[in-house]
Amino acid sequence: MEIYHINLRYSGSQSLYIITALVESVQGVKIQHMRFTSNGTNFIGLLIVQTSNTLQFQSVLKLMKSSKVCYLVEGYGHQLLENYIGN
């Protein structure tokens, strides 16, 4: 299983349930951790998801970007994060 991080921003008028349902609608994807903070009328968040392969993660990103529920969706893998931090 691989761990991926998704940074996103969404409107406060949207339900968090919609976002979690989108992510978990891809078979084999599980949300490990969520952290959201309010930024005025919007929420900025981090989702940590676990998938068995990269294709599932790419499917999640494509689904979230096309849904118009979230904007500023960025995703990266655990290996990229370690390289960025320098561990």
C-alpha atoms as a PDB file:
ATOM      1  CA  MET A   1       0.000   0.000   0.000  1.00  0.00           C
ATOM      2  CA  GLU A   2       1.206   3.479  -0.858  1.00  0.00           C
ATOM      3  CA  ILE A   3       0.519   6.742   0.971  1.00  0.00           C
ATOM      4  CA  TYR A   4      -0.367   9.924  -0.939  1.00  0.00           C
ATOM      5  CA  HIS A   5      -1.091  13.486   0.147  1.00  0.00           C
ATOM      6  CA  ILE A   6      -3.743  15.724  -1.391  1.00  0.00           C
ATOM      7  CA  ASN A   7      -3.810  19.456  -0.725  1.00  0.00           C
ATOM      8  CA  LEU A   8      -7.119  21.075  -1.572  1.00  0.00           C
ATOM      9  CA  ARG A   9      -9.305  24.089  -1.047  1.00  0.00           C
ATOM     10  CA  TYR A  10     -13.085  24.045  -1.079  1.00  0.00           C
ATOM     11  CA  SER A  11     -15.966  26.386  -0.401  1.00  0.00           C
ATOM     12  CA  GLY A  12     -17.461  26.412   3.073  1.00  0.00           C
ATOM     13  CA  SER A  13     -20.885  25.959   1.517  1.00  0.00           C
ATOM     14  CA  GLN A  14     -19.904  22.438   0.394  1.00  0.00           C
ATOM     15  CA  SER A  15     -20.269  19.450   2.684  1.00  0.00           C
ATOM     16  CA  LEU A  16     -17.149  17.584   3.760  1.00  0.00           C
ATOM     17  CA  TYR A  17     -19.120  14.392   3.132  1.00  0.00           C
ATOM     18  CA  ILE A  18     -19.112  15.115  -0.613  1.00  0.00           C
ATOM     19  CA  ILE A  19     -15.322  15.267  -0.646  1.00  0.00           C
ATOM     20  CA  THR A  20     -14.846  12.085   1.383  1.00  0.00           C
ATOM     21  CA  ALA A  21     -17.423  10.270  -0.749  1.00  0.00           C
ATOM     22  CA  LEU A  22     -15.561  11.307  -3.916  1.00  0.00           C
ATOM     23  CA  VAL A  23     -12.266   9.999  -2.591  1.00  0.00           C
ATOM     24  CA  GLU A  24     -13.637   6.726  -1.311  1.00  0.00           C
ATOM     25  CA  SER A  25     -15.714   6.132  -4.454  1.00  0.00           C
ATOM     26  CA  VAL A  26     -12.512   4.914  -6.126  1.00  0.00           C
ATOM     27  CA  GLN A  27     -12.186   1.238  -5.281  1.00  0.00           C
ATOM     28  CA  GLY A  28      -9.264   0.460  -2.976  1.00  0.00           C
ATOM     29  CA  VAL A  29      -8.712   4.023  -1.717  1.00  0.00           C
ATOM     30  CA  LYS A  30      -8.969   4.752   2.001  1.00  0.00           C
ATOM     31  CA  ILE A  31      -8.614   8.068   3.807  1.00  0.00           C
ATOM     32  CA  GLN A  32      -6.003   7.796   6.556  1.00  0.00           C
ATOM     33  CA  HIS A  33      -6.058  11.363   7.871  1.00  0.00           C
ATOM     34  CA  MET A  34      -7.829  14.676   7.256  1.00  0.00           C
ATOM     35  CA  ARG A  35      -6.957  18.158   8.457  1.00  0.00           C
ATOM     36  CA  PHE A  36      -8.934  21.244   7.444  1.00  0.00           C
ATOM     37  CA  THR A  37      -8.681  24.841   8.569  1.00  0.00           C
ATOM     38  CA  SER A  38     -10.992  27.736   7.854  1.00  0.00           C
ATOM     39  CA  ASN A  39      -9.733  30.564   5.662  1.00  0.00           C
ATOM     40  CA  GLY A  40     -12.630  33.006   5.645  1.00  0.00           C
ATOM     41  CA  THR A  41     -15.454  31.437   3.645  1.00  0.00           C
ATOM     42  CA  ASN A  42     -13.196  28.660   2.301  1.00  0.00           C
ATOM     43  CA  PHE A  43     -11.513  25.662   3.845  1.00  0.00           C
ATOM     44  CA  ILE A  44      -7.943  24.587   3.172  1.00  0.00           C
ATOM     45  CA  GLY A  45      -7.188  20.964   3.799  1.00  0.00           C
ATOM     46  CA  LEU A  46      -4.879  18.022   3.652  1.00  0.00           C
ATOM     47  CA  LEU A  47      -6.039  14.497   2.943  1.00  0.00           C
ATOM     48  CA  ILE A  48      -3.719  11.560   3.419  1.00  0.00           C
ATOM     49  CA  VAL A  49      -4.961   8.584   1.432  1.00  0.00           C
ATOM     50  CA  GLN A  50      -3.796   5.011   1.093  1.00  0.00           C
ATOM     51  CA  THR A  51      -3.980   3.207  -2.246  1.00  0.00           C
ATOM     52  CA  SER A  52      -2.552   0.021  -3.655  1.00  0.00           C
ATOM     53  CA  ASN A  53      -1.212   1.681  -6.810  1.00  0.00           C
ATOM     54  CA  THR A  54      -0.555   5.006  -8.513  1.00  0.00           C
ATOM     55  CA  LEU A  55      -3.415   4.620 -10.997  1.00  0.00           C
ATOM     56  CA  GLN A  56      -5.967   4.711  -8.198  1.00  0.00           C
ATOM     57  CA  PHE A  57      -4.413   7.897  -6.832  1.00  0.00           C
ATOM     58  CA  GLN A  58      -4.468   9.516 -10.263  1.00  0.00           C
ATOM     59  CA  SER A  59      -8.131   8.529 -10.581  1.00  0.00           C
ATOM     60  CA  VAL A  60      -8.906  10.281  -7.297  1.00  0.00           C
ATOM     61  CA  LEU A  61      -7.152  13.469  -8.414  1.00  0.00           C
ATOM     62  CA  LYS A  62      -8.914  13.454 -11.787  1.00  0.00           C
ATOM     63  CA  LEU A  63     -12.300  12.868 -10.139  1.00  0.00           C
ATOM     64  CA  MET A  64     -11.794  15.668  -7.616  1.00  0.00           C
ATOM     65  CA  LYS A  65     -10.636  18.155 -10.247  1.00  0.00           C
ATOM     66  CA  SER A  66     -13.530  17.368 -12.574  1.00  0.00           C
ATOM     67  CA  SER A  67     -16.202  17.480  -9.851  1.00  0.00           C
ATOM     68  CA  LYS A  68     -16.007  21.279  -9.368  1.00  0.00           C
ATOM     69  CA  VAL A  69     -16.459  20.720  -5.616  1.00  0.00           C
ATOM     70  CA  CYS A  70     -12.795  21.387  -4.855  1.00  0.00           C
ATOM     71  CA  TYR A  71     -10.299  23.705  -6.419  1.00  0.00           C
ATOM     72  CA  LEU A  72      -6.535  23.998  -6.091  1.00  0.00           C
ATOM     73  CA  VAL A  73      -6.191  20.227  -5.882  1.00  0.00           C
ATOM     74  CA  GLU A  74      -2.573  19.079  -5.695  1.00  0.00           C
ATOM     75  CA  GLY A  75      -1.372  15.589  -4.960  1.00  0.00           C
ATOM     76  CA  TYR A  76       1.971  13.998  -4.318  1.00  0.00           C
ATOM     77  CA  GLY A  77       3.304  10.695  -3.114  1.00  0.00           C
ATOM     78  CA  HIS A  78       5.070   9.888   0.117  1.00  0.00           C
ATOM     79  CA  GLN A  79       8.378   9.343  -1.689  1.00  0.00           C
ATOM     80  CA  LEU A  80       8.193  12.824  -3.233  1.00  0.00           C
ATOM     81  CA  LEU A  81       7.418  14.298   0.176  1.00  0.00           C
ATOM     82  CA  GLU A  82      10.464  12.629   1.744  1.00  0.00           C
ATOM     83  CA  ASN A  83      12.678  13.934  -1.063  1.00  0.00           C
ATOM     84  CA  TYR A  84      11.253  17.440  -0.651  1.00  0.00           C
ATOM     85  CA  ILE A  85      11.795  17.492   3.124  1.00  0.00           C
ATOM     86  CA  GLY A  86      15.238  15.944   2.766  1.00  0.00           C
ATOM     87  CA  ASN A  87      14.858  12.845   4.967  1.00  0.00           C
END
